[in-house]
Amino acid sequence: MTEIRLSCLTPDAAAAVVDEHADYFGAGPSNTLRQDGADVVIDYFDKRWPLDIAEWAAEQGHASDSSAASVIARL
């Protein structure tokens, strides 16, 4: 698996992202996420997993557009 970090605006925002996606379709042994302070650490096999999380977090105001774009650019 590969790991990538999404910087959220606050630790509470990171917790909201993790809570929303913990049981989300696509999660499983190959695609996981956890909170590390204000960051969401995304372990993935399928590149759609961090893409979906980053887009959703920005749309919901949990992460800035530039943080989401940074994740997407690194995929």
PDB file of N, CA and C in Angstrom:
ATOM      1  N   MET A   1       0.841  -1.182   0.000  1.00  0.00           N
ATOM      2  CA  MET A   1       0.000   0.000   0.000  1.00  0.00           C
ATOM      3  C   MET A   1       0.881   1.238   0.000  1.00  0.00           C
ATOM      4  N   THR A   2       0.311   2.306  -0.458  1.00  0.00           N
ATOM      5  CA  THR A   2       0.967   3.600  -0.486  1.00  0.00           C
ATOM      6  C   THR A   2       0.252   4.520   0.489  1.00  0.00           C
ATOM      7  N   GLU A   3       0.996   5.453   1.083  1.00  0.00           N
ATOM      8  CA  GLU A   3       0.424   6.385   2.055  1.00  0.00           C
ATOM      9  C   GLU A   3       0.511   7.808   1.523  1.00  0.00           C
ATOM     10  N   ILE A   4      -0.542   8.583   1.785  1.00  0.00           N
ATOM     11  CA  ILE A   4      -0.574   9.995   1.433  1.00  0.00           C
ATOM     12  C   ILE A   4      -1.315  10.726   2.547  1.00  0.00           C
ATOM     13  N   ARG A   5      -0.950  11.985   2.771  1.00  0.00           N
ATOM     14  CA  ARG A   5      -1.569  12.776   3.846  1.00  0.00           C
ATOM     15  C   ARG A   5      -2.375  13.922   3.271  1.00  0.00           C
ATOM     16  N   LEU A   6      -3.542  14.121   3.857  1.00  0.00           N
ATOM     17  CA  LEU A   6      -4.398  15.253   3.543  1.00  0.00           C
ATOM     18  C   LEU A   6      -4.423  16.158   4.761  1.00  0.00           C
ATOM     19  N   SER A   7      -3.967  17.395   4.600  1.00  0.00           N
ATOM     20  CA  SER A   7      -3.998  18.363   5.699  1.00  0.00           C
ATOM     21  C   SER A   7      -5.385  18.990   5.762  1.00  0.00           C
ATOM     22  N   CYS A   8      -6.022  18.823   6.908  1.00  0.00           N
ATOM     23  CA  CYS A   8      -7.342  19.416   7.120  1.00  0.00           C
ATOM     24  C   CYS A   8      -7.183  20.729   7.880  1.00  0.00           C
ATOM     25  N   LEU A   9      -8.274  21.463   7.995  1.00  0.00           N
ATOM     26  CA  LEU A   9      -8.221  22.780   8.629  1.00  0.00           C
ATOM     27  C   LEU A   9      -8.029  22.701  10.139  1.00  0.00           C
ATOM     28  N   THR A  10      -8.585  21.678  10.758  1.00  0.00           N
ATOM     29  CA  THR A  10      -8.492  21.507  12.212  1.00  0.00           C
ATOM     30  C   THR A  10      -8.496  20.005  12.530  1.00  0.00           C
ATOM     31  N   PRO A  11      -8.114  19.637  13.743  1.00  0.00           N
ATOM     32  CA  PRO A  11      -8.250  18.231  14.139  1.00  0.00           C
ATOM     33  C   PRO A  11      -9.705  17.750  14.084  1.00  0.00           C
ATOM     34  N   ASP A  12     -10.656  18.614  14.430  1.00  0.00           N
ATOM     35  CA  ASP A  12     -12.069  18.228  14.347  1.00  0.00           C
ATOM     36  C   ASP A  12     -12.491  17.957  12.907  1.00  0.00           C
ATOM     37  N   ALA A  13     -11.966  18.741  11.970  1.00  0.00           N
ATOM     38  CA  ALA A  13     -12.270  18.522  10.555  1.00  0.00           C
ATOM     39  C   ALA A  13     -11.686  17.187  10.096  1.00  0.00           C
ATOM     40  N   ALA A  14     -10.479  16.870  10.532  1.00  0.00           N
ATOM     41  CA  ALA A  14      -9.871  15.583  10.184  1.00  0.00           C
ATOM     42  C   ALA A  14     -10.699  14.430  10.748  1.00  0.00           C
ATOM     43  N   ALA A  15     -11.179  14.591  11.973  1.00  0.00           N
ATOM     44  CA  ALA A  15     -12.015  13.554  12.587  1.00  0.00           C
ATOM     45  C   ALA A  15     -13.300  13.352  11.794  1.00  0.00           C
ATOM     46  N   ALA A  16     -13.880  14.438  11.292  1.00  0.00           N
ATOM     47  CA  ALA A  16     -15.103  14.340  10.487  1.00  0.00           C
ATOM     48  C   ALA A  16     -14.848  13.579   9.192  1.00  0.00           C
ATOM     49  N   VAL A  17     -13.706  13.797   8.582  1.00  0.00           N
ATOM     50  CA  VAL A  17     -13.359  13.087   7.345  1.00  0.00           C
ATOM     51  C   VAL A  17     -13.202  11.594   7.626  1.00  0.00           C
ATOM     52  N   VAL A  18     -12.499  11.269   8.689  1.00  0.00           N
ATOM     53  CA  VAL A  18     -12.300   9.862   9.052  1.00  0.00           C
ATOM     54  C   VAL A  18     -13.646   9.222   9.393  1.00  0.00           C
ATOM     55  N   ASP A  19     -14.472   9.901  10.176  1.00  0.00           N
ATOM     56  CA  ASP A  19     -15.776   9.353  10.551  1.00  0.00           C
ATOM     57  C   ASP A  19     -16.641   9.083   9.324  1.00  0.00           C
ATOM     58  N   GLU A  20     -16.621   9.989   8.375  1.00  0.00           N
ATOM     59  CA  GLU A  20     -17.447   9.849   7.170  1.00  0.00           C
ATOM     60  C   GLU A  20     -16.993   8.685   6.293  1.00  0.00           C
ATOM     61  N   HIS A  21     -15.697   8.450   6.225  1.00  0.00           N
ATOM     62  CA  HIS A  21     -15.170   7.478   5.273  1.00  0.00           C
ATOM     63  C   HIS A  21     -14.754   6.140   5.882  1.00  0.00           C
ATOM     64  N   ALA A  22     -14.819   5.997   7.183  1.00  0.00           N
ATOM     65  CA  ALA A  22     -14.368   4.752   7.825  1.00  0.00           C
ATOM     66  C   ALA A  22     -15.123   3.531   7.302  1.00  0.00           C
ATOM     67  N   ASP A  23     -16.406   3.670   7.074  1.00  0.00           N
ATOM     68  CA  ASP A  23     -17.220   2.545   6.582  1.00  0.00           C
ATOM     69  C   ASP A  23     -17.717   2.796   5.166  1.00  0.00           C
ATOM     70  N   TYR A  24     -17.089   3.719   4.485  1.00  0.00           N
ATOM     71  CA  TYR A  24     -17.487   4.124   3.139  1.00  0.00           C
ATOM     72  C   TYR A  24     -17.169   3.019   2.140  1.00  0.00           C
ATOM     73  N   PHE A  25     -17.967   2.940   1.082  1.00  0.00           N
ATOM     74  CA  PHE A  25     -17.700   1.980   0.019  1.00  0.00           C
ATOM     75  C   PHE A  25     -16.292   2.223  -0.518  1.00  0.00           C
ATOM     76  N   GLY A  26     -15.510   1.187  -0.619  1.00  0.00           N
ATOM     77  CA  GLY A  26     -14.126   1.323  -1.068  1.00  0.00           C
ATOM     78  C   GLY A  26     -13.138   1.133   0.072  1.00  0.00           C
ATOM     79  N   ALA A  27     -13.616   1.342   1.302  1.00  0.00           N
ATOM     80  CA  ALA A  27     -12.742   1.096   2.449  1.00  0.00           C
ATOM     81  C   ALA A  27     -12.563  -0.407   2.599  1.00  0.00           C
ATOM     82  N   GLY A  28     -11.501  -0.797   3.190  1.00  0.00           N
ATOM     83  CA  GLY A  28     -11.251  -2.212   3.401  1.00  0.00           C
ATOM     84  C   GLY A  28      -9.788  -2.426   3.665  1.00  0.00           C
ATOM     85  N   PRO A  29      -9.330  -3.640   3.556  1.00  0.00           N
ATOM     86  CA  PRO A  29      -7.934  -3.918   3.884  1.00  0.00           C
ATOM     87  C   PRO A  29      -6.939  -3.212   2.976  1.00  0.00           C
ATOM     88  N   SER A  30      -7.336  -2.895   1.751  1.00  0.00           N
ATOM     89  CA  SER A  30      -6.415  -2.234   0.819  1.00  0.00           C
ATOM     90  C   SER A  30      -6.535  -0.720   0.827  1.00  0.00           C
ATOM     91  N   ASN A  31      -7.584  -0.188   1.402  1.00  0.00           N
ATOM     92  CA  ASN A  31      -7.813   1.257   1.448  1.00  0.00           C
ATOM     93  C   ASN A  31      -8.270   1.626   2.854  1.00  0.00           C
ATOM     94  N   THR A  32      -7.414   2.318   3.602  1.00  0.00           N
ATOM     95  CA  THR A  32      -7.739   2.689   4.973  1.00  0.00           C
ATOM     96  C   THR A  32      -7.394   4.151   5.204  1.00  0.00           C
ATOM     97  N   LEU A  33      -7.889   4.693   6.301  1.00  0.00           N
ATOM     98  CA  LEU A  33      -7.503   6.038   6.699  1.00  0.00           C
ATOM     99  C   LEU A  33      -7.564   6.155   8.207  1.00  0.00           C
ATOM    100  N   ARG A  34      -6.765   7.102   8.714  1.00  0.00           N
ATOM    101  CA  ARG A  34      -6.722   7.359  10.154  1.00  0.00           C
ATOM    102  C   ARG A  34      -6.358   8.819  10.356  1.00  0.00           C
ATOM    103  N   GLN A  35      -6.643   9.297  11.532  1.00  0.00           N
ATOM    104  CA  GLN A  35      -6.353  10.683  11.880  1.00  0.00           C
ATOM    105  C   GLN A  35      -5.005  10.775  12.578  1.00  0.00           C
ATOM    106  N   ASP A  36      -4.253  11.814  12.239  1.00  0.00           N
ATOM    107  CA  ASP A  36      -3.009  12.157  12.920  1.00  0.00           C
ATOM    108  C   ASP A  36      -3.033  13.665  13.128  1.00  0.00           C
ATOM    109  N   GLY A  37      -3.617  14.085  14.245  1.00  0.00           N
ATOM    110  CA  GLY A  37      -3.784  15.524  14.498  1.00  0.00           C
ATOM    111  C   GLY A  37      -4.751  16.123  13.495  1.00  0.00           C
ATOM    112  N   ALA A  38      -4.300  17.143  12.761  1.00  0.00           N
ATOM    113  CA  ALA A  38      -5.144  17.786  11.750  1.00  0.00           C
ATOM    114  C   ALA A  38      -4.965  17.145  10.375  1.00  0.00           C
ATOM    115  N   ASP A  39      -4.223  16.053  10.314  1.00  0.00           N
ATOM    116  CA  ASP A  39      -4.017  15.341   9.045  1.00  0.00           C
ATOM    117  C   ASP A  39      -4.842  14.068   9.007  1.00  0.00           C
ATOM    118  N   VAL A  40      -5.220  13.697   7.791  1.00  0.00           N
ATOM    119  CA  VAL A  40      -5.808  12.390   7.548  1.00  0.00           C
ATOM    120  C   VAL A  40      -4.762  11.600   6.774  1.00  0.00           C
ATOM    121  N   VAL A  41      -4.376  10.469   7.318  1.00  0.00           N
ATOM    122  CA  VAL A  41      -3.388   9.599   6.680  1.00  0.00           C
ATOM    123  C   VAL A  41      -4.165   8.543   5.900  1.00  0.00           C
ATOM    124  N   ILE A  42      -3.978   8.543   4.593  1.00  0.00           N
ATOM    125  CA  ILE A  42      -4.723   7.657   3.708  1.00  0.00           C
ATOM    126  C   ILE A  42      -3.763   6.606   3.157  1.00  0.00           C
ATOM    127  N   ASP A  43      -4.013   5.352   3.473  1.00  0.00           N
ATOM    128  CA  ASP A  43      -3.268   4.234   2.895  1.00  0.00           C
ATOM    129  C   ASP A  43      -4.144   3.668   1.788  1.00  0.00           C
ATOM    130  N   TYR A  44      -3.551   3.450   0.627  1.00  0.00           N
ATOM    131  CA  TYR A  44      -4.385   3.035  -0.494  1.00  0.00           C
ATOM    132  C   TYR A  44      -3.660   2.121  -1.467  1.00  0.00           C
ATOM    133  N   PHE A  45      -4.454   1.322  -2.137  1.00  0.00           N
ATOM    134  CA  PHE A  45      -4.020   0.537  -3.277  1.00  0.00           C
ATOM    135  C   PHE A  45      -4.649   1.140  -4.526  1.00  0.00           C
ATOM    136  N   ASP A  46      -5.906   1.541  -4.415  1.00  0.00           N
ATOM    137  CA  ASP A  46      -6.672   2.119  -5.512  1.00  0.00           C
ATOM    138  C   ASP A  46      -6.600   3.644  -5.419  1.00  0.00           C
ATOM    139  N   LYS A  47      -6.073   4.306  -6.430  1.00  0.00           N
ATOM    140  CA  LYS A  47      -5.897   5.758  -6.407  1.00  0.00           C
ATOM    141  C   LYS A  47      -7.211   6.529  -6.325  1.00  0.00           C
ATOM    142  N   ARG A  48      -8.318   5.895  -6.627  1.00  0.00           N
ATOM    143  CA  ARG A  48      -9.613   6.585  -6.499  1.00  0.00           C
ATOM    144  C   ARG A  48      -9.948   6.870  -5.038  1.00  0.00           C
ATOM    145  N   TRP A  49      -9.433   6.048  -4.118  1.00  0.00           N
ATOM    146  CA  TRP A  49      -9.725   6.205  -2.686  1.00  0.00           C
ATOM    147  C   TRP A  49      -9.249   7.563  -2.162  1.00  0.00           C
ATOM    148  N   PRO A  50      -7.964   7.926  -2.276  1.00  0.00           N
ATOM    149  CA  PRO A  50      -7.562   9.249  -1.779  1.00  0.00           C
ATOM    150  C   PRO A  50      -8.156  10.385  -2.602  1.00  0.00           C
ATOM    151  N   LEU A  51      -8.392  10.171  -3.890  1.00  0.00           N
ATOM    152  CA  LEU A  51      -9.017  11.187  -4.728  1.00  0.00           C
ATOM    153  C   LEU A  51     -10.406  11.514  -4.206  1.00  0.00           C
ATOM    154  N   ASP A  52     -11.211  10.496  -3.947  1.00  0.00           N
ATOM    155  CA  ASP A  52     -12.570  10.699  -3.430  1.00  0.00           C
ATOM    156  C   ASP A  52     -12.551  11.400  -2.074  1.00  0.00           C
ATOM    157  N   ILE A  53     -11.648  10.989  -1.202  1.00  0.00           N
ATOM    158  CA  ILE A  53     -11.579  11.592   0.135  1.00  0.00           C
ATOM    159  C   ILE A  53     -11.168  13.052   0.050  1.00  0.00           C
ATOM    160  N   ALA A  54     -10.147  13.356  -0.739  1.00  0.00           N
ATOM    161  CA  ALA A  54      -9.670  14.739  -0.869  1.00  0.00           C
ATOM    162  C   ALA A  54     -10.751  15.643  -1.461  1.00  0.00           C
ATOM    163  N   GLU A  55     -11.411  15.178  -2.511  1.00  0.00           N
ATOM    164  CA  GLU A  55     -12.488  15.979  -3.121  1.00  0.00           C
ATOM    165  C   GLU A  55     -13.607  16.233  -2.124  1.00  0.00           C
ATOM    166  N   TRP A  56     -14.039  15.184  -1.423  1.00  0.00           N
ATOM    167  CA  TRP A  56     -15.130  15.325  -0.466  1.00  0.00           C
ATOM    168  C   TRP A  56     -14.754  16.285   0.659  1.00  0.00           C
ATOM    169  N   ALA A  57     -13.544  16.147   1.183  1.00  0.00           N
ATOM    170  CA  ALA A  57     -13.107  17.005   2.289  1.00  0.00           C
ATOM    171  C   ALA A  57     -13.100  18.472   1.882  1.00  0.00           C
ATOM    172  N   ALA A  58     -12.664  18.767   0.669  1.00  0.00           N
ATOM    173  CA  ALA A  58     -12.660  20.156   0.197  1.00  0.00           C
ATOM    174  C   ALA A  58     -14.088  20.660  -0.019  1.00  0.00           C
ATOM    175  N   GLU A  59     -14.928  19.838  -0.614  1.00  0.00           N
ATOM    176  CA  GLU A  59     -16.321  20.232  -0.855  1.00  0.00           C
ATOM    177  C   GLU A  59     -17.068  20.517   0.446  1.00  0.00           C
ATOM    178  N   GLN A  60     -16.755  19.780   1.494  1.00  0.00           N
ATOM    179  CA  GLN A  60     -17.436  19.941   2.784  1.00  0.00           C
ATOM    180  C   GLN A  60     -16.791  21.006   3.667  1.00  0.00           C
ATOM    181  N   GLY A  61     -15.679  21.588   3.218  1.00  0.00           N
ATOM    182  CA  GLY A  61     -15.016  22.629   3.984  1.00  0.00           C
ATOM    183  C   GLY A  61     -14.111  22.110   5.088  1.00  0.00           C
ATOM    184  N   HIS A  62     -13.741  20.843   5.035  1.00  0.00           N
ATOM    185  CA  HIS A  62     -12.851  20.269   6.041  1.00  0.00           C
ATOM    186  C   HIS A  62     -11.376  20.456   5.682  1.00  0.00           C
ATOM    187  N   ALA A  63     -11.105  20.643   4.400  1.00  0.00           N
ATOM    188  CA  ALA A  63      -9.740  20.869   3.911  1.00  0.00           C
ATOM    189  C   ALA A  63      -9.803  21.964   2.861  1.00  0.00           C
ATOM    190  N   SER A  64      -8.712  22.671   2.708  1.00  0.00           N
ATOM    191  CA  SER A  64      -8.677  23.723   1.685  1.00  0.00           C
ATOM    192  C   SER A  64      -8.600  23.087   0.297  1.00  0.00           C
ATOM    193  N   ASP A  65      -8.980  23.866  -0.690  1.00  0.00           N
ATOM    194  CA  ASP A  65      -8.872  23.388  -2.070  1.00  0.00           C
ATOM    195  C   ASP A  65      -7.423  23.063  -2.419  1.00  0.00           C
ATOM    196  N   SER A  66      -6.497  23.870  -1.892  1.00  0.00           N
ATOM    197  CA  SER A  66      -5.084  23.629  -2.210  1.00  0.00           C
ATOM    198  C   SER A  66      -4.576  22.343  -1.558  1.00  0.00           C
ATOM    199  N   SER A  67      -5.047  22.007  -0.370  1.00  0.00           N
ATOM    200  CA  SER A  67      -4.656  20.738   0.263  1.00  0.00           C
ATOM    201  C   SER A  67      -5.188  19.551  -0.529  1.00  0.00           C
ATOM    202  N   ALA A  68      -6.434  19.656  -0.962  1.00  0.00           N
ATOM    203  CA  ALA A  68      -7.016  18.593  -1.780  1.00  0.00           C
ATOM    204  C   ALA A  68      -6.283  18.470  -3.096  1.00  0.00           C
ATOM    205  N   ALA A  69      -5.978  19.607  -3.717  1.00  0.00           N
ATOM    206  CA  ALA A  69      -5.264  19.596  -4.992  1.00  0.00           C
ATOM    207  C   ALA A  69      -3.868  18.985  -4.836  1.00  0.00           C
ATOM    208  N   SER A  70      -3.244  19.223  -3.705  1.00  0.00           N
ATOM    209  CA  SER A  70      -1.921  18.658  -3.451  1.00  0.00           C
ATOM    210  C   SER A  70      -1.979  17.133  -3.405  1.00  0.00           C
ATOM    211  N   VAL A  71      -3.002  16.591  -2.752  1.00  0.00           N
ATOM    212  CA  VAL A  71      -3.174  15.136  -2.714  1.00  0.00           C
ATOM    213  C   VAL A  71      -3.401  14.606  -4.127  1.00  0.00           C
ATOM    214  N   ILE A  72      -4.276  15.248  -4.848  1.00  0.00           N
ATOM    215  CA  ILE A  72      -4.619  14.793  -6.197  1.00  0.00           C
ATOM    216  C   ILE A  72      -3.385  14.856  -7.108  1.00  0.00           C
ATOM    217  N   ALA A  73      -2.597  15.902  -6.989  1.00  0.00           N
ATOM    218  CA  ALA A  73      -1.406  16.057  -7.836  1.00  0.00           C
ATOM    219  C   ALA A  73      -0.349  14.985  -7.551  1.00  0.00           C
ATOM    220  N   ARG A  74      -0.319  14.482  -6.323  1.00  0.00           N
ATOM    221  CA  ARG A  74       0.673  13.463  -5.957  1.00  0.00           C
ATOM    222  C   ARG A  74       0.270  12.051  -6.340  1.00  0.00           C
ATOM    223  N   LEU A  75      -0.948  11.888  -6.823  1.00  0.00           N
ATOM    224  CA  LEU A  75      -1.416  10.534  -7.173  1.00  0.00           C
ATOM    225  C   LEU A  75      -0.847  10.080  -8.479  1.00  0.00           C
TER     226      LEU A  75
END
